[in-house]
Amino acid sequence: MRRIQFKKGVAMREGQRESTLLETVVLVCILAVALAAGAFFLVALGRQAAEERRREAAIGNLRQLMGAGITYQAPSGAFFPSEHSPGTDTDTE
């Protein structure tokens, strides 16, 4: 069984040493770099998610337009009226 020594109010096991200030500073720097890398990663994921939402919205809009076209065509058998459809009044200049 290992002996526990008390030094400056902290219980330390035998053979265990205190960390130096330099080791603590290096650890804090490593954690800061890891945190910054994580932040950049989250920003990239946010941009990717925003692009995915725009893409999904465009697909939804196209789906609605196709549904409207099918609904319009079903009872009348006609296509969407266009600029060059017969019966449109485009020659009013």
Protein backbone atom coordinates (compact mmCIF):
# COMPACT_ATOMS: atom_id res chain seq x y z
CA MET A 1 0.00 0.00 0.00
CA ARG A 2 1.34 3.44 -0.89
CA ARG A 3 1.91 6.02 1.76
CA ILE A 4 0.06 9.32 1.44
CA GLN A 5 2.00 12.47 2.27
CA PHE A 6 0.40 15.76 3.13
CA LYS A 7 2.12 18.80 1.65
CA LYS A 8 0.70 22.30 1.83
CA GLY A 9 -2.75 20.99 2.65
CA VAL A 10 -2.91 18.70 -0.40
CA ALA A 11 -2.80 14.94 -0.12
CA MET A 12 -0.25 13.47 -2.56
CA ARG A 13 0.71 9.87 -3.12
CA GLU A 14 4.29 8.81 -2.75
CA GLY A 15 6.21 9.24 -6.01
CA GLN A 16 3.77 11.85 -7.32
CA ARG A 17 5.21 15.28 -8.07
CA GLU A 18 3.69 18.72 -8.28
CA SER A 19 3.17 20.29 -11.68
CA THR A 20 5.25 23.32 -12.53
CA LEU A 21 3.96 26.66 -13.73
CA LEU A 22 5.37 25.97 -17.20
CA GLU A 23 3.46 22.70 -17.46
CA THR A 24 0.27 24.45 -16.42
CA VAL A 25 0.78 27.23 -19.00
CA VAL A 26 1.46 24.67 -21.75
CA LEU A 27 -1.70 22.78 -20.81
CA VAL A 28 -3.78 25.98 -20.92
CA CYS A 29 -2.32 26.85 -24.35
CA ILE A 30 -3.12 23.39 -25.70
CA LEU A 31 -6.68 23.68 -24.41
CA ALA A 32 -7.04 27.15 -25.96
CA VAL A 33 -5.85 25.88 -29.35
CA ALA A 34 -8.22 22.91 -29.14
CA LEU A 35 -11.11 25.22 -28.23
CA ALA A 36 -10.32 27.56 -31.15
CA ALA A 37 -10.17 24.62 -33.56
CA GLY A 38 -13.52 23.42 -32.24
CA ALA A 39 -15.02 26.87 -32.76
CA PHE A 40 -13.84 26.96 -36.38
CA PHE A 41 -15.27 23.50 -36.90
CA LEU A 42 -18.64 24.57 -35.50
CA VAL A 43 -18.69 27.66 -37.75
CA ALA A 44 -18.03 25.46 -40.79
CA LEU A 45 -20.81 23.10 -39.73
CA GLY A 46 -23.16 26.07 -39.27
CA ARG A 47 -22.45 27.30 -42.79
CA GLN A 48 -22.96 23.84 -44.19
CA ALA A 49 -26.25 23.53 -42.30
CA ALA A 50 -27.42 26.93 -43.63
CA GLU A 51 -26.63 25.86 -47.19
CA GLU A 52 -28.52 22.61 -46.62
CA ARG A 53 -31.56 24.57 -45.33
CA ARG A 54 -31.51 26.82 -48.43
CA ARG A 55 -31.29 23.76 -50.68
CA GLU A 56 -34.19 22.08 -48.88
CA ALA A 57 -36.28 25.27 -49.15
CA ALA A 58 -35.62 25.46 -52.90
CA ILE A 59 -36.61 21.83 -53.34
CA GLY A 60 -39.80 22.47 -51.34
CA ASN A 61 -40.62 25.50 -53.50
CA LEU A 62 -40.13 23.47 -56.68
CA ARG A 63 -42.33 20.71 -55.27
CA GLN A 64 -45.09 23.25 -54.58
CA LEU A 65 -44.81 24.69 -58.08
CA MET A 66 -45.05 21.22 -59.62
CA GLY A 67 -48.05 20.44 -57.44
CA ALA A 68 -49.73 23.67 -58.54
CA GLY A 69 -49.02 22.83 -62.19
CA ILE A 70 -50.47 19.35 -61.84
CA THR A 71 -53.51 20.73 -60.02
CA TYR A 72 -54.01 23.36 -62.73
CA GLN A 73 -53.57 20.89 -65.58
CA ALA A 74 -55.71 18.06 -64.20
CA PRO A 75 -59.21 19.53 -64.62
CA SER A 76 -58.56 21.65 -67.70
CA GLY A 77 -56.03 19.55 -69.56
CA ALA A 78 -54.14 22.73 -70.29
CA PHE A 79 -50.61 23.78 -69.45
CA PHE A 80 -49.50 26.83 -67.51
CA PRO A 81 -50.32 30.00 -69.41
CA SER A 82 -47.14 31.50 -70.76
CA GLU A 83 -46.17 34.72 -72.41
CA HIS A 84 -46.74 33.21 -75.87
CA SER A 85 -49.94 31.27 -75.15
CA PRO A 86 -52.85 31.84 -77.52
CA GLY A 87 -55.39 34.18 -76.05
CA THR A 88 -52.94 36.23 -74.06
CA ASP A 89 -52.90 39.89 -74.86
CA THR A 90 -49.21 40.53 -75.53
CA ASP A 91 -49.62 42.65 -78.66
CA THR A 92 -51.01 45.75 -76.94
CA GLU A 93 -48.06 48.01 -77.78
